[in-house]
Protein backbone atom coordinates (compact mmCIF):
# COMPACT_ATOMS: atom_id res chain seq x y z
CA MET A 1 39.95 28.67 -4.77
CA LYS A 2 39.20 27.69 -8.21
CA HIS A 3 38.19 24.24 -7.04
CA SER A 4 35.68 25.58 -4.68
CA GLN A 5 34.15 27.83 -7.26
CA PHE A 6 33.94 24.80 -9.66
CA ALA A 7 32.34 22.74 -7.05
CA ILE A 8 29.73 25.48 -6.30
CA VAL A 9 28.87 25.85 -9.88
CA ALA A 10 28.66 22.03 -10.30
CA LEU A 11 26.39 21.82 -7.25
CA LEU A 12 24.07 24.61 -8.52
CA SER A 13 23.90 23.00 -11.90
CA LEU A 14 22.85 19.57 -10.51
CA THR A 15 20.26 21.15 -8.33
CA ALA A 16 18.83 23.18 -11.15
CA SER A 17 18.75 20.18 -13.39
CA ALA A 18 17.06 18.09 -10.67
CA ALA A 19 14.25 20.58 -10.22
CA TRP A 20 13.94 20.97 -13.99
CA ALA A 21 13.30 17.28 -14.57
CA THR A 22 10.76 16.72 -11.93
CA PRO A 23 8.62 13.57 -12.38
CA CYS A 24 5.09 14.37 -13.35
CA ASP A 25 3.40 12.24 -10.61
CA SER A 26 5.12 14.42 -8.03
CA VAL A 27 4.19 17.65 -9.61
CA LYS A 28 0.60 16.58 -10.26
CA ASP A 29 0.26 15.44 -6.54
CA GLN A 30 1.35 18.91 -5.35
CA ILE A 31 -0.90 20.66 -7.62
CA ASP A 32 -3.92 18.38 -6.60
CA ALA A 33 -3.23 19.09 -2.93
CA LYS A 34 -3.32 22.85 -3.53
CA ILE A 35 -6.62 22.67 -5.52
CA LYS A 36 -8.23 20.46 -2.76
CA ALA A 37 -7.08 22.92 -0.21
CA LYS A 38 -8.97 25.78 -1.92
CA GLY A 39 -12.17 23.62 -1.63
CA VAL A 40 -12.56 22.70 -5.37
CA LYS A 41 -14.48 19.51 -5.51
CA THR A 42 -14.95 18.36 -9.17
CA TYR A 43 -11.94 18.73 -11.50
CA THR A 44 -9.48 16.74 -13.48
CA LEU A 45 -5.70 17.03 -13.87
CA ASP A 46 -4.20 15.43 -16.99
CA VAL A 47 -0.53 15.00 -18.06
CA VAL A 48 -0.06 15.63 -21.79
CA PRO A 49 2.85 16.09 -24.12
CA ALA A 50 3.75 19.75 -24.33
CA ALA A 51 3.14 19.84 -28.15
CA ASP A 52 -0.42 18.52 -27.61
CA VAL A 53 -1.50 21.41 -25.30
CA LYS A 54 -4.13 23.61 -27.28
CA ASP A 55 -6.72 25.56 -25.43
CA GLN A 56 -6.41 23.80 -22.12
CA LYS A 57 -5.39 25.67 -18.88
CA VAL A 58 -1.81 24.62 -18.14
CA VAL A 59 -1.15 24.49 -14.38
CA GLY A 60 2.21 22.82 -14.29
CA SER A 61 5.20 21.43 -16.15
CA CYS A 62 7.16 18.36 -15.68
CA GLU A 63 9.88 16.11 -17.13
CA GLY A 64 12.02 19.05 -18.19
CA GLY A 65 9.11 20.89 -19.91
CA ALA A 66 8.35 17.91 -22.09
CA LYS A 67 4.94 17.47 -20.55
CA LYS A 68 2.46 19.73 -19.24
CA ILE A 69 -0.27 19.42 -16.54
CA VAL A 70 -3.75 20.74 -17.64
CA TYR A 71 -6.62 21.56 -15.47
CA LYS A 72 -10.26 21.16 -16.32
CA ARG A 73 -12.99 22.04 -13.68
CA GLY A 74 -16.12 20.20 -13.55
């Protein structure tokens, strides 16, 4: 019983860490698809270090929160 509980906890930990450390290109592509689906034509998405985010609109996070994806319309 304890082995199966350990296995479940280990599996959940691996799944959570894999989702947490998502590559920026993958997240950026998903966000880009959602924005295009809403009909927005002119915009930019940039990946920046989390510490460099000032007044930008953050629309995503990647690489374990180390980087943010910022959106600018126009």
